[in-house]
Amino acid sequence: MKDFGVKPIEEPLDHTSLTLLDRVRRKDKEAWERLVSLYTPLVYHWCIIAGLQAADAEETAQEVFLAVARAVVSFHRDQDGDTFRGWLRIITRNKIFDHAVPPGGGGQGGSAAQKRLQELPDTRPLDEATPESQALEKNILYNRAVELIECSFEAKTRRAFWLLIAGRKPKDVAKELDMSASAVYTAKSKILKRLREEFRGLVDQGPEFKTSE
């Protein structure tokens, strides 16, 4: 699976208080690459569950991000519950069909057309979001977000974080890593804080990383 570096027009920006999405809208190259890196695994996941083969999934994902690059300035939340993830899902669904049915290909008849219809991707998993699928999407995003920022932290901090969200008790993590319990909690807090700062408004309603006392 690749990251698709579709690049908008470059326009350097120094306003670090802006969200990643705000910076993308202002055509910040680095922010765009960060956004693509964050969402590529999720778009790829949607393509695969719709039945695309790996090569087709990668090509479709590239088409998705080309569409996003053109339309991101118009993205907005009209209602409570509207999310960038939901908007991206719609674009992905449409591009899956665009990829499967080339322009003018839907009007052909005969057995060849019937065979083509039978081979169309199944986008029902994208249309019929369930609590389970929503949770999986959020976890894919959170895991990718952590991957993107964890290099900023020392190895022990990263290890403590992953052990905690895997359900290990803080006292056990502290013992294993030769840390104090407070240091273990601090490790978790540091990474979650960075996640909120880096991906505010994008990694939406993510899992609450609860630890066992």
C-alpha atoms as a PDB file:
ATOM      1  CA  MET A   1       0.000   0.000   0.000  1.00  0.00           C
ATOM      2  CA  LYS A   2       1.339   3.384  -0.989  1.00  0.00           C
ATOM      3  CA  ASP A   3       0.935   6.949   0.169  1.00  0.00           C
ATOM      4  CA  PHE A   4      -0.376   9.040  -2.704  1.00  0.00           C
ATOM      5  CA  GLY A   5       1.378  12.396  -2.722  1.00  0.00           C
ATOM      6  CA  VAL A   6      -1.114  14.386  -4.771  1.00  0.00           C
ATOM      7  CA  LYS A   7       0.217  17.916  -4.418  1.00  0.00           C
ATOM      8  CA  PRO A   8      -1.839  21.104  -4.405  1.00  0.00           C
ATOM      9  CA  ILE A   9      -0.382  24.463  -5.379  1.00  0.00           C
ATOM     10  CA  GLU A  10       2.337  25.376  -2.920  1.00  0.00           C
ATOM     11  CA  GLU A  11       1.796  28.381  -0.673  1.00  0.00           C
ATOM     12  CA  PRO A  12       3.977  28.421   2.472  1.00  0.00           C
ATOM     13  CA  LEU A  13       2.098  29.080   5.707  1.00  0.00           C
ATOM     14  CA  ASP A  14       3.429  29.966   9.134  1.00  0.00           C
ATOM     15  CA  HIS A  15       0.168  29.937  11.105  1.00  0.00           C
ATOM     16  CA  THR A  16       0.880  26.861  13.220  1.00  0.00           C
ATOM     17  CA  SER A  17      -2.285  27.386  15.287  1.00  0.00           C
ATOM     18  CA  LEU A  18      -4.414  26.440  12.273  1.00  0.00           C
ATOM     19  CA  THR A  19      -5.776  22.916  12.077  1.00  0.00           C
ATOM     20  CA  LEU A  20      -4.303  20.498   9.569  1.00  0.00           C
ATOM     21  CA  LEU A  21      -7.456  20.795   7.463  1.00  0.00           C
ATOM     22  CA  ASP A  22      -7.249  24.607   7.515  1.00  0.00           C
ATOM     23  CA  ARG A  23      -3.671  24.420   6.307  1.00  0.00           C
ATOM     24  CA  VAL A  24      -4.661  22.018   3.529  1.00  0.00           C
ATOM     25  CA  ARG A  25      -7.336  24.453   2.386  1.00  0.00           C
ATOM     26  CA  ARG A  26      -4.634  27.133   2.215  1.00  0.00           C
ATOM     27  CA  LYS A  27      -2.631  24.851  -0.079  1.00  0.00           C
ATOM     28  CA  ASP A  28       0.108  24.038   2.397  1.00  0.00           C
ATOM     29  CA  LYS A  29       2.160  21.262   0.759  1.00  0.00           C
ATOM     30  CA  GLU A  30       3.382  19.688   3.997  1.00  0.00           C
ATOM     31  CA  ALA A  31      -0.130  19.645   5.490  1.00  0.00           C
ATOM     32  CA  TRP A  32      -1.516  18.010   2.349  1.00  0.00           C
ATOM     33  CA  GLU A  33       1.077  15.251   2.465  1.00  0.00           C
ATOM     34  CA  ARG A  34       0.231  14.716   6.138  1.00  0.00           C
ATOM     35  CA  LEU A  35      -3.482  14.462   5.351  1.00  0.00           C
ATOM     36  CA  VAL A  36      -2.889  11.949   2.572  1.00  0.00           C
ATOM     37  CA  SER A  37      -0.624   9.883   4.826  1.00  0.00           C
ATOM     38  CA  LEU A  38      -3.272   9.884   7.544  1.00  0.00           C
ATOM     39  CA  TYR A  39      -6.189   8.793   5.387  1.00  0.00           C
ATOM     40  CA  THR A  40      -4.531   6.469   2.847  1.00  0.00           C
ATOM     41  CA  PRO A  41      -4.951   3.314   5.006  1.00  0.00           C
ATOM     42  CA  LEU A  42      -8.661   4.050   5.510  1.00  0.00           C
ATOM     43  CA  VAL A  43      -9.353   4.739   1.817  1.00  0.00           C
ATOM     44  CA  TYR A  44      -7.449   1.568   0.938  1.00  0.00           C
ATOM     45  CA  HIS A  45      -9.525  -0.357   3.502  1.00  0.00           C
ATOM     46  CA  TRP A  46     -12.759   0.895   1.897  1.00  0.00           C
ATOM     47  CA  CYS A  47     -11.558  -0.161  -1.545  1.00  0.00           C
ATOM     48  CA  ILE A  48     -10.622  -3.634  -0.356  1.00  0.00           C
ATOM     49  CA  ILE A  49     -13.913  -4.318   1.465  1.00  0.00           C
ATOM     50  CA  ALA A  50     -15.726  -3.254  -1.723  1.00  0.00           C
ATOM     51  CA  GLY A  51     -13.914  -6.093  -3.478  1.00  0.00           C
ATOM     52  CA  LEU A  52     -11.148  -4.317  -5.379  1.00  0.00           C
ATOM     53  CA  GLN A  53      -7.852  -6.056  -5.916  1.00  0.00           C
ATOM     54  CA  ALA A  54      -4.749  -4.424  -4.439  1.00  0.00           C
ATOM     55  CA  ALA A  55      -3.600  -2.752  -7.678  1.00  0.00           C
ATOM     56  CA  ASP A  56      -7.081  -1.406  -8.388  1.00  0.00           C
ATOM     57  CA  ALA A  57      -7.403  -0.219  -4.788  1.00  0.00           C
ATOM     58  CA  GLU A  58      -4.174   1.763  -5.064  1.00  0.00           C
ATOM     59  CA  GLU A  59      -5.229   3.321  -8.363  1.00  0.00           C
ATOM     60  CA  THR A  60      -8.666   4.189  -7.006  1.00  0.00           C
ATOM     61  CA  ALA A  61      -7.140   5.708  -3.866  1.00  0.00           C
ATOM     62  CA  GLN A  62      -5.031   7.969  -6.051  1.00  0.00           C
ATOM     63  CA  GLU A  63      -8.185   9.091  -7.875  1.00  0.00           C
ATOM     64  CA  VAL A  64      -9.865   9.720  -4.509  1.00  0.00           C
ATOM     65  CA  PHE A  65      -7.112  12.070  -3.360  1.00  0.00           C
ATOM     66  CA  LEU A  66      -7.083  13.883  -6.687  1.00  0.00           C
ATOM     67  CA  ALA A  67     -10.794  14.558  -6.144  1.00  0.00           C
ATOM     68  CA  VAL A  68     -10.166  15.641  -2.554  1.00  0.00           C
ATOM     69  CA  ALA A  69      -7.426  18.041  -3.665  1.00  0.00           C
ATOM     70  CA  ARG A  70      -9.892  19.708  -6.018  1.00  0.00           C
ATOM     71  CA  ALA A  71     -12.853  19.820  -3.625  1.00  0.00           C
ATOM     72  CA  VAL A  72     -11.404  20.191  -0.113  1.00  0.00           C
ATOM     73  CA  VAL A  73     -11.905  23.948  -0.051  1.00  0.00           C
ATOM     74  CA  SER A  74     -15.656  23.356  -0.316  1.00  0.00           C
ATOM     75  CA  PHE A  75     -15.861  20.821   2.523  1.00  0.00           C
ATOM     76  CA  HIS A  76     -17.910  22.032   5.464  1.00  0.00           C
ATOM     77  CA  ARG A  77     -20.050  20.598   8.235  1.00  0.00           C
ATOM     78  CA  ASP A  78     -23.718  21.482   7.710  1.00  0.00           C
ATOM     79  CA  GLN A  79     -25.069  19.394  10.581  1.00  0.00           C
ATOM     80  CA  ASP A  80     -23.925  17.886  13.843  1.00  0.00           C
ATOM     81  CA  GLY A  81     -22.275  14.586  13.091  1.00  0.00           C
ATOM     82  CA  ASP A  82     -20.900  15.621   9.694  1.00  0.00           C
ATOM     83  CA  THR A  83     -17.261  14.570   9.510  1.00  0.00           C
ATOM     84  CA  PHE A  84     -14.388  14.702   7.075  1.00  0.00           C
ATOM     85  CA  ARG A  85     -14.298  10.908   7.282  1.00  0.00           C
ATOM     86  CA  GLY A  86     -17.924  10.668   6.152  1.00  0.00           C
ATOM     87  CA  TRP A  87     -17.294  13.095   3.292  1.00  0.00           C
ATOM     88  CA  LEU A  88     -14.250  11.100   2.229  1.00  0.00           C
ATOM     89  CA  ARG A  89     -16.271   7.857   2.317  1.00  0.00           C
ATOM     90  CA  ILE A  90     -18.741   9.302  -0.214  1.00  0.00           C
ATOM     91  CA  ILE A  91     -15.926  10.366  -2.537  1.00  0.00           C
ATOM     92  CA  THR A  92     -14.332   6.932  -2.235  1.00  0.00           C
ATOM     93  CA  ARG A  93     -17.606   5.159  -2.995  1.00  0.00           C
ATOM     94  CA  ASN A  94     -18.091   7.247  -6.132  1.00  0.00           C
ATOM     95  CA  LYS A  95     -14.532   6.696  -7.318  1.00  0.00           C
ATOM     96  CA  ILE A  96     -14.834   2.935  -6.812  1.00  0.00           C
ATOM     97  CA  PHE A  97     -17.742   2.951  -9.261  1.00  0.00           C
ATOM     98  CA  ASP A  98     -15.978   5.357 -11.624  1.00  0.00           C
ATOM     99  CA  HIS A  99     -13.019   3.005 -11.698  1.00  0.00           C
ATOM    100  CA  ALA A 100     -15.173  -0.083 -12.256  1.00  0.00           C
ATOM    101  CA  VAL A 101     -17.415   1.456 -14.915  1.00  0.00           C
ATOM    102  CA  PRO A 102     -15.517   3.574 -17.460  1.00  0.00           C
ATOM    103  CA  PRO A 103     -17.320   6.554 -19.024  1.00  0.00           C
ATOM    104  CA  GLY A 104     -19.968   5.350 -21.500  1.00  0.00           C
ATOM    105  CA  GLY A 105     -19.572   1.758 -20.382  1.00  0.00           C
ATOM    106  CA  GLY A 106     -22.899   1.461 -18.594  1.00  0.00           C
ATOM    107  CA  GLY A 107     -25.097   1.547 -21.683  1.00  0.00           C
ATOM    108  CA  GLN A 108     -23.795  -1.576 -23.383  1.00  0.00           C
ATOM    109  CA  GLY A 109     -26.113  -4.591 -23.614  1.00  0.00           C
ATOM    110  CA  GLY A 110     -25.795  -8.332 -24.070  1.00  0.00           C
ATOM    111  CA  SER A 111     -23.975 -10.984 -22.094  1.00  0.00           C
ATOM    112  CA  ALA A 112     -20.821  -8.898 -21.830  1.00  0.00           C
ATOM    113  CA  ALA A 113     -22.781  -6.180 -20.043  1.00  0.00           C
ATOM    114  CA  GLN A 114     -24.364  -8.712 -17.688  1.00  0.00           C
ATOM    115  CA  LYS A 115     -20.956 -10.115 -16.848  1.00  0.00           C
ATOM    116  CA  ARG A 116     -19.681  -6.580 -16.213  1.00  0.00           C
ATOM    117  CA  LEU A 117     -22.569  -5.897 -13.837  1.00  0.00           C
ATOM    118  CA  GLN A 118     -21.819  -9.072 -11.900  1.00  0.00           C
ATOM    119  CA  GLU A 119     -18.220  -7.936 -11.475  1.00  0.00           C
ATOM    120  CA  LEU A 120     -19.104  -4.504 -10.086  1.00  0.00           C
ATOM    121  CA  PRO A 121     -17.696  -3.807  -6.619  1.00  0.00           C
ATOM    122  CA  ASP A 122     -20.010  -4.154  -3.652  1.00  0.00           C
ATOM    123  CA  THR A 123     -20.144  -0.769  -1.925  1.00  0.00           C
ATOM    124  CA  ARG A 124     -22.853  -1.743   0.554  1.00  0.00           C
ATOM    125  CA  PRO A 125     -20.324  -1.831   3.414  1.00  0.00           C
ATOM    126  CA  LEU A 126     -19.698   1.867   2.687  1.00  0.00           C
ATOM    127  CA  ASP A 127     -23.407   2.692   2.498  1.00  0.00           C
ATOM    128  CA  GLU A 128     -24.570   0.735   5.521  1.00  0.00           C
ATOM    129  CA  ALA A 129     -22.293   1.896   8.312  1.00  0.00           C
ATOM    130  CA  THR A 130     -22.679  -0.207  11.448  1.00  0.00           C
ATOM    131  CA  PRO A 131     -21.332   0.477  14.941  1.00  0.00           C
ATOM    132  CA  GLU A 132     -18.723  -2.201  14.281  1.00  0.00           C
ATOM    133  CA  SER A 133     -17.597  -0.716  10.966  1.00  0.00           C
ATOM    134  CA  GLN A 134     -17.538   2.789  12.453  1.00  0.00           C
ATOM    135  CA  ALA A 135     -15.381   1.581  15.325  1.00  0.00           C
ATOM    136  CA  LEU A 136     -13.020  -0.150  12.903  1.00  0.00           C
ATOM    137  CA  GLU A 137     -12.675   3.012  10.799  1.00  0.00           C
ATOM    138  CA  LYS A 138     -11.883   5.093  13.866  1.00  0.00           C
ATOM    139  CA  ASN A 139      -9.290   2.589  15.014  1.00  0.00           C
ATOM    140  CA  ILE A 140      -7.645   2.558  11.580  1.00  0.00           C
ATOM    141  CA  LEU A 141      -7.376   6.348  11.745  1.00  0.00           C
ATOM    142  CA  TYR A 142      -6.099   6.390  15.323  1.00  0.00           C
ATOM    143  CA  ASN A 143      -3.502   3.723  14.658  1.00  0.00           C
ATOM    144  CA  ARG A 144      -2.260   5.595  11.611  1.00  0.00           C
ATOM    145  CA  ALA A 145      -2.260   8.919  13.458  1.00  0.00           C
ATOM    146  CA  VAL A 146      -0.131   7.447  16.232  1.00  0.00           C
ATOM    147  CA  GLU A 147       2.256   5.986  13.664  1.00  0.00           C
ATOM    148  CA  LEU A 148       2.707   9.450  12.174  1.00  0.00           C
ATOM    149  CA  ILE A 149       3.559  11.171  15.450  1.00  0.00           C
ATOM    150  CA  GLU A 150       5.201   8.516  17.599  1.00  0.00           C
ATOM    151  CA  CYS A 151       8.641   9.062  16.097  1.00  0.00           C
ATOM    152  CA  SER A 152       8.661  12.328  18.069  1.00  0.00           C
ATOM    153  CA  PHE A 153       8.717  10.388  21.344  1.00  0.00           C
ATOM    154  CA  GLU A 154      11.345   8.170  22.896  1.00  0.00           C
ATOM    155  CA  ALA A 155      10.958   4.402  22.589  1.00  0.00           C
ATOM    156  CA  LYS A 156       9.916   3.828  26.224  1.00  0.00           C
ATOM    157  CA  THR A 157       7.140   6.422  25.966  1.00  0.00           C
ATOM    158  CA  ARG A 158       5.809   4.771  22.819  1.00  0.00           C
ATOM    159  CA  ARG A 159       5.956   1.327  24.370  1.00  0.00           C
ATOM    160  CA  ALA A 160       4.112   2.457  27.502  1.00  0.00           C
ATOM    161  CA  PHE A 161       1.382   4.041  25.394  1.00  0.00           C
ATOM    162  CA  TRP A 162       0.769   0.947  23.283  1.00  0.00           C
ATOM    163  CA  LEU A 163       0.754  -1.349  26.305  1.00  0.00           C
ATOM    164  CA  LEU A 164      -1.818   0.842  28.047  1.00  0.00           C
ATOM    165  CA  ILE A 165      -4.216   1.005  25.120  1.00  0.00           C
ATOM    166  CA  ALA A 166      -3.840  -2.752  24.720  1.00  0.00           C
ATOM    167  CA  GLY A 167      -5.409  -3.044  28.181  1.00  0.00           C
ATOM    168  CA  ARG A 168      -2.379  -3.619  30.372  1.00  0.00           C
ATOM    169  CA  LYS A 169      -2.558  -2.307  33.931  1.00  0.00           C
ATOM    170  CA  PRO A 170      -0.398   0.772  34.564  1.00  0.00           C
ATOM    171  CA  LYS A 171       1.384  -0.881  37.486  1.00  0.00           C
ATOM    172  CA  ASP A 172       2.331  -3.843  35.268  1.00  0.00           C
ATOM    173  CA  VAL A 173       3.534  -1.552  32.494  1.00  0.00           C
ATOM    174  CA  ALA A 174       5.570   0.445  34.989  1.00  0.00           C
ATOM    175  CA  LYS A 175       7.222  -2.688  36.300  1.00  0.00           C
ATOM    176  CA  GLU A 176       7.978  -4.067  32.828  1.00  0.00           C
ATOM    177  CA  LEU A 177       9.486  -0.815  31.578  1.00  0.00           C
ATOM    178  CA  ASP A 178      11.177   0.180  34.837  1.00  0.00           C
ATOM    179  CA  MET A 179       9.116   3.362  35.081  1.00  0.00           C
ATOM    180  CA  SER A 180       7.043   4.936  37.816  1.00  0.00           C
ATOM    181  CA  ALA A 181       3.255   4.680  37.528  1.00  0.00           C
ATOM    182  CA  SER A 182       3.037   8.451  37.119  1.00  0.00           C
ATOM    183  CA  ALA A 183       5.543   8.306  34.257  1.00  0.00           C
ATOM    184  CA  VAL A 184       3.389   5.693  32.544  1.00  0.00           C
ATOM    185  CA  TYR A 185       0.314   7.927  32.781  1.00  0.00           C
ATOM    186  CA  THR A 186       2.376  10.877  31.555  1.00  0.00           C
ATOM    187  CA  ALA A 187       3.532   8.879  28.519  1.00  0.00           C
ATOM    188  CA  LYS A 188      -0.057   8.205  27.552  1.00  0.00           C
ATOM    189  CA  SER A 189      -1.097  11.820  28.128  1.00  0.00           C
ATOM    190  CA  LYS A 190       1.749  13.213  26.035  1.00  0.00           C
ATOM    191  CA  ILE A 191       0.852  11.155  22.984  1.00  0.00           C
ATOM    192  CA  LEU A 192      -2.888  11.773  23.264  1.00  0.00           C
ATOM    193  CA  LYS A 193      -2.265  15.508  23.627  1.00  0.00           C
ATOM    194  CA  ARG A 194      -0.103  15.516  20.508  1.00  0.00           C
ATOM    195  CA  LEU A 195      -2.804  13.583  18.634  1.00  0.00           C
ATOM    196  CA  ARG A 196      -5.432  16.171  19.540  1.00  0.00           C
ATOM    197  CA  GLU A 197      -3.175  19.037  18.524  1.00  0.00           C
ATOM    198  CA  GLU A 198      -1.996  17.491  15.266  1.00  0.00           C
ATOM    199  CA  PHE A 199      -5.244  16.027  13.956  1.00  0.00           C
ATOM    200  CA  ARG A 200      -7.942  18.149  15.551  1.00  0.00           C
ATOM    201  CA  GLY A 201     -11.231  17.778  13.660  1.00  0.00           C
ATOM    202  CA  LEU A 202      -9.952  14.917  11.508  1.00  0.00           C
ATOM    203  CA  VAL A 203      -9.463  11.911  13.762  1.00  0.00           C
ATOM    204  CA  ASP A 204     -13.022  12.273  14.994  1.00  0.00           C
ATOM    205  CA  GLN A 205     -14.546  10.685  18.069  1.00  0.00           C
ATOM    206  CA  GLY A 206     -11.727   8.252  18.427  1.00  0.00           C
ATOM    207  CA  PRO A 207     -11.605   5.461  20.954  1.00  0.00           C
ATOM    208  CA  GLU A 208     -11.231   6.498  24.561  1.00  0.00           C
ATOM    209  CA  PHE A 209      -8.018   4.856  25.644  1.00  0.00           C
ATOM    210  CA  LYS A 210      -9.037   3.622  29.078  1.00  0.00           C
ATOM    211  CA  THR A 211      -6.585   1.864  31.297  1.00  0.00           C
ATOM    212  CA  SER A 212      -7.266  -0.753  33.909  1.00  0.00           C
ATOM    213  CA  GLU A 213      -6.464   0.402  37.396  1.00  0.00           C
END
